Amino acid sequence: MGARRAGGAVLVAAVCAGGWATAAQTERRWVAFDGREWTQFAPAEKRAYVAGFLAGAALADGERTALRDTTLLRRAVDSLYRVGGLRYPFGQMVYATQLDEFYWWDNHVPTPLYLALRDINVRLKRQDE
């Protein structure tokens, strides 16, 4: 009986893993996300996407000034944040709202999210000068 259960467990695991692998292959990659995904995201998903984008950009900014040492990197990002020196200096709600407005226009829908964020950021920085 124990061998049957073990065999059944292996079969279930194999089916689940195979299903997951197939699903992963058919999902769109994050670089391909555009207005179609954005307009389908729930508000919490929008905030999470933008927060993740900003965190990744801040990490890249910090790594330009501090090598891979975690303490120095944290100080570098904190310092850049305090002085407004991050590449994406505005808050996540600002970017999320701007993306909502950007994708309101049908001709903007095919624009990838990361490119839309870059374009919005450029415009916001010009207005801030």
N, C-alpha and C. Protein backbone atom coordinates (compact mmCIF):
# COMPACT_ATOMS: atom_id res chain seq x y z
N MET A 1 0.83 -1.20 0.00
CA MET A 1 0.00 0.00 0.00
C MET A 1 0.86 1.25 0.00
N GLY A 2 1.97 1.23 0.80
CA GLY A 2 2.86 2.38 0.86
C GLY A 2 3.51 2.67 -0.47
N ALA A 3 3.87 1.62 -1.21
CA ALA A 3 4.50 1.80 -2.53
C ALA A 3 3.51 2.41 -3.51
N ARG A 4 2.23 2.01 -3.41
CA ARG A 4 1.21 2.59 -4.30
C ARG A 4 1.05 4.08 -4.04
N ARG A 5 1.00 4.44 -2.75
CA ARG A 5 0.87 5.86 -2.41
C ARG A 5 2.07 6.65 -2.91
N ALA A 6 3.25 6.10 -2.71
CA ALA A 6 4.45 6.79 -3.16
C ALA A 6 4.42 6.97 -4.68
N GLY A 7 4.02 5.90 -5.39
CA GLY A 7 3.92 6.00 -6.84
C GLY A 7 2.89 7.03 -7.26
N GLY A 8 1.76 7.06 -6.55
CA GLY A 8 0.71 8.05 -6.84
C GLY A 8 1.20 9.47 -6.61
N ALA A 9 1.95 9.64 -5.52
CA ALA A 9 2.49 10.97 -5.20
C ALA A 9 3.47 11.43 -6.28
N VAL A 10 4.28 10.51 -6.75
CA VAL A 10 5.23 10.84 -7.82
C VAL A 10 4.48 11.22 -9.09
N LEU A 11 3.43 10.47 -9.41
CA LEU A 11 2.64 10.77 -10.60
C LEU A 11 1.98 12.15 -10.49
N VAL A 12 1.38 12.44 -9.32
CA VAL A 12 0.75 13.74 -9.12
C VAL A 12 1.79 14.86 -9.24
N ALA A 13 2.95 14.67 -8.64
CA ALA A 13 4.01 15.68 -8.72
C ALA A 13 4.45 15.89 -10.16
N ALA A 14 4.58 14.80 -10.91
CA ALA A 14 5.01 14.92 -12.30
C ALA A 14 3.97 15.66 -13.14
N VAL A 15 2.69 15.35 -12.92
CA VAL A 15 1.63 16.03 -13.67
C VAL A 15 1.61 17.51 -13.31
N CYS A 16 1.71 17.82 -12.02
CA CYS A 16 1.70 19.23 -11.59
C CYS A 16 2.90 19.97 -12.16
N ALA A 17 4.07 19.35 -12.10
CA ALA A 17 5.27 20.00 -12.62
C ALA A 17 5.16 20.20 -14.12
N GLY A 18 4.64 19.21 -14.82
CA GLY A 18 4.46 19.33 -16.27
C GLY A 18 3.47 20.42 -16.61
N GLY A 19 2.39 20.51 -15.84
CA GLY A 19 1.40 21.56 -16.06
C GLY A 19 1.98 22.93 -15.80
N TRP A 20 2.79 23.05 -14.75
CA TRP A 20 3.41 24.33 -14.43
C TRP A 20 4.39 24.73 -15.53
N ALA A 21 5.18 23.78 -15.99
CA ALA A 21 6.16 24.09 -17.04
C ALA A 21 5.44 24.56 -18.31
N THR A 22 4.34 23.91 -18.64
CA THR A 22 3.60 24.32 -19.83
C THR A 22 3.02 25.71 -19.64
N ALA A 23 2.46 25.97 -18.46
CA ALA A 23 1.90 27.29 -18.19
C ALA A 23 2.98 28.36 -18.24
N ALA A 24 4.15 28.06 -17.70
CA ALA A 24 5.24 29.04 -17.70
C ALA A 24 5.68 29.36 -19.12
N GLN A 25 5.63 28.37 -20.00
CA GLN A 25 6.06 28.59 -21.38
C GLN A 25 5.05 29.43 -22.16
N THR A 26 3.79 29.36 -21.76
CA THR A 26 2.77 30.09 -22.50
C THR A 26 2.51 31.48 -21.94
N GLU A 27 3.00 31.77 -20.74
CA GLU A 27 2.79 33.10 -20.16
C GLU A 27 3.63 34.13 -20.90
N ARG A 28 3.12 35.36 -20.92
CA ARG A 28 3.90 36.44 -21.53
C ARG A 28 5.01 36.84 -20.59
N ARG A 29 6.15 37.13 -21.09
CA ARG A 29 7.26 37.61 -20.26
C ARG A 29 7.00 39.04 -19.83
N TRP A 30 7.56 39.43 -18.70
CA TRP A 30 7.31 40.77 -18.16
C TRP A 30 7.73 41.85 -19.15
N VAL A 31 8.71 41.61 -19.98
CA VAL A 31 9.13 42.64 -20.93
C VAL A 31 8.09 42.88 -22.00
N ALA A 32 7.16 41.94 -22.16
CA ALA A 32 6.12 42.09 -23.16
C ALA A 32 4.83 42.69 -22.58
N PHE A 33 4.76 42.88 -21.25
CA PHE A 33 3.55 43.45 -20.66
C PHE A 33 3.33 44.85 -21.22
N ASP A 34 2.09 45.12 -21.58
CA ASP A 34 1.76 46.43 -22.13
C ASP A 34 0.42 46.88 -21.58
N GLY A 35 -0.26 47.75 -22.29
CA GLY A 35 -1.52 48.29 -21.81
C GLY A 35 -2.61 47.25 -21.62
N ARG A 36 -2.53 46.14 -22.36
CA ARG A 36 -3.54 45.09 -22.17
C ARG A 36 -3.45 44.52 -20.76
N GLU A 37 -2.24 44.25 -20.29
CA GLU A 37 -2.07 43.74 -18.93
C GLU A 37 -2.41 44.83 -17.91
N TRP A 38 -1.89 46.03 -18.16
CA TRP A 38 -2.08 47.11 -17.19
C TRP A 38 -3.56 47.36 -16.92
N THR A 39 -4.37 47.39 -17.96
CA THR A 39 -5.79 47.69 -17.76
C THR A 39 -6.52 46.53 -17.09
N GLN A 40 -5.93 45.35 -17.07
CA GLN A 40 -6.54 44.19 -16.41
C GLN A 40 -6.05 44.01 -14.97
N PHE A 41 -4.97 44.68 -14.61
CA PHE A 41 -4.45 44.57 -13.24
C PHE A 41 -5.43 45.19 -12.25
N ALA A 42 -5.57 44.57 -11.11
CA ALA A 42 -6.32 45.16 -10.00
C ALA A 42 -5.47 46.29 -9.42
N PRO A 43 -6.06 47.23 -8.67
CA PRO A 43 -5.27 48.32 -8.10
C PRO A 43 -4.05 47.85 -7.30
N ALA A 44 -4.21 46.81 -6.51
CA ALA A 44 -3.07 46.30 -5.73
C ALA A 44 -1.98 45.75 -6.64
N GLU A 45 -2.36 45.12 -7.75
CA GLU A 45 -1.38 44.62 -8.70
C GLU A 45 -0.64 45.75 -9.39
N LYS A 46 -1.35 46.83 -9.68
CA LYS A 46 -0.70 47.99 -10.28
C LYS A 46 0.33 48.58 -9.33
N ARG A 47 -0.06 48.74 -8.07
CA ARG A 47 0.89 49.27 -7.08
C ARG A 47 2.10 48.36 -6.93
N ALA A 48 1.86 47.04 -6.91
CA ALA A 48 2.96 46.09 -6.77
C ALA A 48 3.89 46.13 -7.99
N TYR A 49 3.32 46.23 -9.19
CA TYR A 49 4.14 46.29 -10.39
C TYR A 49 5.04 47.53 -10.36
N VAL A 50 4.43 48.68 -10.09
CA VAL A 50 5.20 49.92 -10.09
C VAL A 50 6.23 49.92 -8.96
N ALA A 51 5.86 49.43 -7.78
CA ALA A 51 6.81 49.37 -6.66
C ALA A 51 8.00 48.48 -7.02
N GLY A 52 7.73 47.35 -7.67
CA GLY A 52 8.82 46.47 -8.09
C GLY A 52 9.71 47.13 -9.14
N PHE A 53 9.09 47.83 -10.06
CA PHE A 53 9.85 48.54 -11.10
C PHE A 53 10.75 49.59 -10.46
N LEU A 54 10.18 50.38 -9.54
CA LEU A 54 10.96 51.44 -8.88
C LEU A 54 12.07 50.86 -8.04
N ALA A 55 11.80 49.75 -7.35
CA ALA A 55 12.84 49.11 -6.53
C ALA A 55 13.97 48.62 -7.42
N GLY A 56 13.64 48.02 -8.55
CA GLY A 56 14.68 47.55 -9.46
C GLY A 56 15.51 48.69 -10.02
N ALA A 57 14.85 49.77 -10.37
CA ALA A 57 15.58 50.94 -10.89
C ALA A 57 16.46 51.55 -9.80
N ALA A 58 15.96 51.62 -8.57
CA ALA A 58 16.75 52.17 -7.46
C ALA A 58 17.96 51.29 -7.18
N LEU A 59 17.78 49.99 -7.25
CA LEU A 59 18.91 49.08 -7.05
C LEU A 59 19.97 49.31 -8.13
N ALA A 60 19.53 49.44 -9.37
CA ALA A 60 20.49 49.70 -10.46
C ALA A 60 21.20 51.03 -10.25
N ASP A 61 20.47 52.06 -9.81
CA ASP A 61 21.08 53.36 -9.53
C ASP A 61 22.12 53.23 -8.42
N GLY A 62 21.76 52.52 -7.36
CA GLY A 62 22.68 52.35 -6.23
C GLY A 62 23.92 51.57 -6.61
N GLU A 63 23.75 50.57 -7.45
CA GLU A 63 24.90 49.76 -7.85
C GLU A 63 25.87 50.53 -8.74
N ARG A 64 25.45 51.63 -9.31
CA ARG A 64 26.39 52.45 -10.08
C ARG A 64 27.36 53.18 -9.18
N THR A 65 26.94 53.45 -7.93
CA THR A 65 27.80 54.19 -7.02
C THR A 65 28.43 53.31 -5.95
N ALA A 66 27.79 52.22 -5.60
CA ALA A 66 28.31 51.32 -4.58
C ALA A 66 28.45 49.93 -5.19
N LEU A 67 29.56 49.31 -4.90
CA LEU A 67 29.72 47.96 -5.42
C LEU A 67 28.72 47.04 -4.76
N ARG A 68 28.90 45.79 -4.84
CA ARG A 68 27.92 44.81 -4.40
C ARG A 68 27.83 44.65 -2.88
N ASP A 69 28.53 45.43 -2.10
CA ASP A 69 28.43 45.36 -0.64
C ASP A 69 27.04 45.85 -0.22
N THR A 70 26.29 45.01 0.48
CA THR A 70 24.91 45.31 0.83
C THR A 70 24.77 46.58 1.66
N THR A 71 25.63 46.76 2.64
CA THR A 71 25.54 47.95 3.50
C THR A 71 25.81 49.21 2.69
N LEU A 72 26.84 49.19 1.89
CA LEU A 72 27.15 50.37 1.07
C LEU A 72 26.06 50.63 0.03
N LEU A 73 25.50 49.56 -0.51
CA LEU A 73 24.43 49.70 -1.49
C LEU A 73 23.20 50.32 -0.85
N ARG A 74 22.85 49.87 0.33
CA ARG A 74 21.70 50.45 1.04
C ARG A 74 21.92 51.93 1.31
N ARG A 75 23.11 52.28 1.76
CA ARG A 75 23.43 53.70 2.00
C ARG A 75 23.34 54.51 0.71
N ALA A 76 23.86 53.94 -0.36
CA ALA A 76 23.83 54.67 -1.65
C ALA A 76 22.40 54.92 -2.10
N VAL A 77 21.54 53.90 -2.03
CA VAL A 77 20.14 54.07 -2.45
C VAL A 77 19.43 55.05 -1.53
N ASP A 78 19.64 54.93 -0.21
CA ASP A 78 19.01 55.87 0.74
C ASP A 78 19.45 57.31 0.46
N SER A 79 20.73 57.48 0.18
CA SER A 79 21.25 58.81 -0.10
C SER A 79 20.65 59.37 -1.40
N LEU A 80 20.62 58.55 -2.43
CA LEU A 80 20.03 58.99 -3.70
C LEU A 80 18.55 59.34 -3.52
N TYR A 81 17.84 58.55 -2.72
CA TYR A 81 16.42 58.81 -2.47
C TYR A 81 16.23 60.15 -1.76
N ARG A 82 17.03 60.40 -0.74
CA ARG A 82 16.89 61.64 0.05
C ARG A 82 17.12 62.89 -0.78
N VAL A 83 18.05 62.83 -1.69
CA VAL A 83 18.38 64.03 -2.48
C VAL A 83 17.65 64.09 -3.82
N GLY A 84 16.75 63.13 -4.07
CA GLY A 84 16.03 63.11 -5.34
C GLY A 84 16.89 62.69 -6.51
N GLY A 85 17.92 61.90 -6.24
CA GLY A 85 18.85 61.51 -7.29
C GLY A 85 18.56 60.20 -7.97
N LEU A 86 17.45 59.57 -7.63
CA LEU A 86 17.11 58.33 -8.31
C LEU A 86 16.62 58.62 -9.73
N ARG A 87 16.82 57.68 -10.60
CA ARG A 87 16.39 57.84 -11.99
C ARG A 87 14.87 57.99 -12.08
N TYR A 88 14.14 57.32 -11.19
CA TYR A 88 12.68 57.43 -11.10
C TYR A 88 12.34 58.01 -9.73
N PRO A 89 12.36 59.33 -9.61
CA PRO A 89 12.28 59.97 -8.30
C PRO A 89 10.87 60.15 -7.73
N PHE A 90 9.84 59.91 -8.51
CA PHE A 90 8.49 60.18 -8.04
C PHE A 90 7.89 58.94 -7.38
N GLY A 91 6.84 59.12 -6.61
CA GLY A 91 6.22 58.03 -5.87
C GLY A 91 5.46 57.07 -6.77
N GLN A 92 5.25 55.87 -6.25
CA GLN A 92 4.60 54.84 -7.06
C GLN A 92 3.19 55.23 -7.47
N MET A 93 2.45 55.95 -6.64
CA MET A 93 1.10 56.34 -7.04
C MET A 93 1.11 57.34 -8.20
N VAL A 94 2.14 58.17 -8.25
CA VAL A 94 2.28 59.12 -9.36
C VAL A 94 2.43 58.34 -10.67
N TYR A 95 3.32 57.36 -10.66
CA TYR A 95 3.55 56.58 -11.88
C TYR A 95 2.32 55.73 -12.23
N ALA A 96 1.68 55.13 -11.23
CA ALA A 96 0.50 54.31 -11.50
C ALA A 96 -0.62 55.14 -12.12
N THR A 97 -0.84 56.33 -11.59
CA THR A 97 -1.88 57.22 -12.13
C THR A 97 -1.53 57.64 -13.55
N GLN A 98 -0.27 57.97 -13.77
CA GLN A 98 0.17 58.36 -15.11
C GLN A 98 0.01 57.21 -16.10
N LEU A 99 0.28 55.98 -15.67
CA LEU A 99 0.09 54.83 -16.55
C LEU A 99 -1.39 54.65 -16.90
N ASP A 100 -2.27 54.85 -15.91
CA ASP A 100 -3.71 54.77 -16.19
C ASP A 100 -4.08 55.76 -17.28
N GLU A 101 -3.57 56.97 -17.18
CA GLU A 101 -3.88 57.99 -18.18
C GLU A 101 -3.22 57.67 -19.53
N PHE A 102 -2.00 57.18 -19.49
CA PHE A 102 -1.27 56.83 -20.71
C PHE A 102 -2.01 55.77 -21.50
N TYR A 103 -2.45 54.72 -20.81
CA TYR A 103 -3.12 53.60 -21.50
C TYR A 103 -4.60 53.85 -21.76
N TRP A 104 -5.09 54.99 -21.35
CA TRP A 104 -6.45 55.36 -21.69
C TRP A 104 -6.56 55.54 -23.21
N TRP A 105 -5.46 55.98 -23.83
CA TRP A 105 -5.42 56.20 -25.28
C TRP A 105 -5.14 54.86 -25.97
N ASP A 106 -6.02 54.45 -26.85
CA ASP A 106 -5.90 53.16 -27.53
C ASP A 106 -4.57 53.01 -28.28
N ASN A 107 -4.07 54.08 -28.85
CA ASN A 107 -2.83 53.97 -29.62
C ASN A 107 -1.61 53.73 -28.72
N HIS A 108 -1.75 53.91 -27.41
CA HIS A 108 -0.65 53.65 -26.49
C HIS A 108 -0.63 52.21 -25.97
N VAL A 109 -1.75 51.48 -26.14
CA VAL A 109 -1.89 50.14 -25.57
C VAL A 109 -0.74 49.20 -25.92
N PRO A 110 -0.23 49.18 -27.16
CA PRO A 110 0.85 48.23 -27.48
C PRO A 110 2.22 48.60 -26.87
N THR A 111 2.35 49.77 -26.28
CA THR A 111 3.63 50.20 -25.70
C THR A 111 3.94 49.37 -24.46
N PRO A 112 5.11 48.70 -24.41
CA PRO A 112 5.47 47.93 -23.22
C PRO A 112 5.48 48.81 -21.97
N LEU A 113 5.11 48.21 -20.84
CA LEU A 113 5.02 48.96 -19.58
C LEU A 113 6.33 49.67 -19.23
N TYR A 114 7.45 48.98 -19.38
CA TYR A 114 8.71 49.61 -18.99
C TYR A 114 9.03 50.82 -19.86
N LEU A 115 8.66 50.78 -21.14
CA LEU A 115 8.88 51.94 -22.00
C LEU A 115 7.91 53.07 -21.67
N ALA A 116 6.68 52.71 -21.34
CA ALA A 116 5.71 53.73 -20.93
C ALA A 116 6.20 54.43 -19.67
N LEU A 117 6.71 53.67 -18.72
CA LEU A 117 7.23 54.27 -17.49
C LEU A 117 8.41 55.20 -17.77
N ARG A 118 9.27 54.79 -18.69
CA ARG A 118 10.40 55.66 -19.05
C ARG A 118 9.90 56.96 -19.67
N ASP A 119 8.96 56.87 -20.60
CA ASP A 119 8.43 58.07 -21.26
C ASP A 119 7.73 58.99 -20.26
N ILE A 120 6.95 58.41 -19.38
CA ILE A 120 6.26 59.19 -18.34
C ILE A 120 7.27 59.88 -17.44
N ASN A 121 8.31 59.15 -17.07
CA ASN A 121 9.33 59.71 -16.20
C ASN A 121 10.04 60.90 -16.84
N VAL A 122 10.36 60.77 -18.11
CA VAL A 122 11.01 61.88 -18.83
C VAL A 122 10.11 63.11 -18.81
N ARG A 123 8.83 62.91 -19.09
CA ARG A 123 7.88 64.03 -19.10
C ARG A 123 7.74 64.65 -17.71
N LEU A 124 7.64 63.82 -16.67
CA LEU A 124 7.51 64.34 -15.32
C LEU A 124 8.75 65.12 -14.88
N LYS A 125 9.91 64.63 -15.26
CA LYS A 125 11.15 65.34 -14.90
C LYS A 125 11.24 66.70 -15.60
N ARG A 126 10.78 66.76 -16.85
CA ARG A 126 10.78 68.05 -17.56
C ARG A 126 9.87 69.04 -16.88
N GLN A 127 8.70 68.56 -16.44
CA GLN A 127 7.74 69.44 -15.76
C GLN A 127 8.27 69.89 -14.41
N ASP A 128 9.10 69.07 -13.79
CA ASP A 128 9.63 69.36 -12.46
C ASP A 128 10.76 70.39 -12.51
N GLU A 129 11.35 70.58 -13.69
CA GLU A 129 12.52 71.50 -13.81
C GLU A 129 12.10 72.95 -13.79
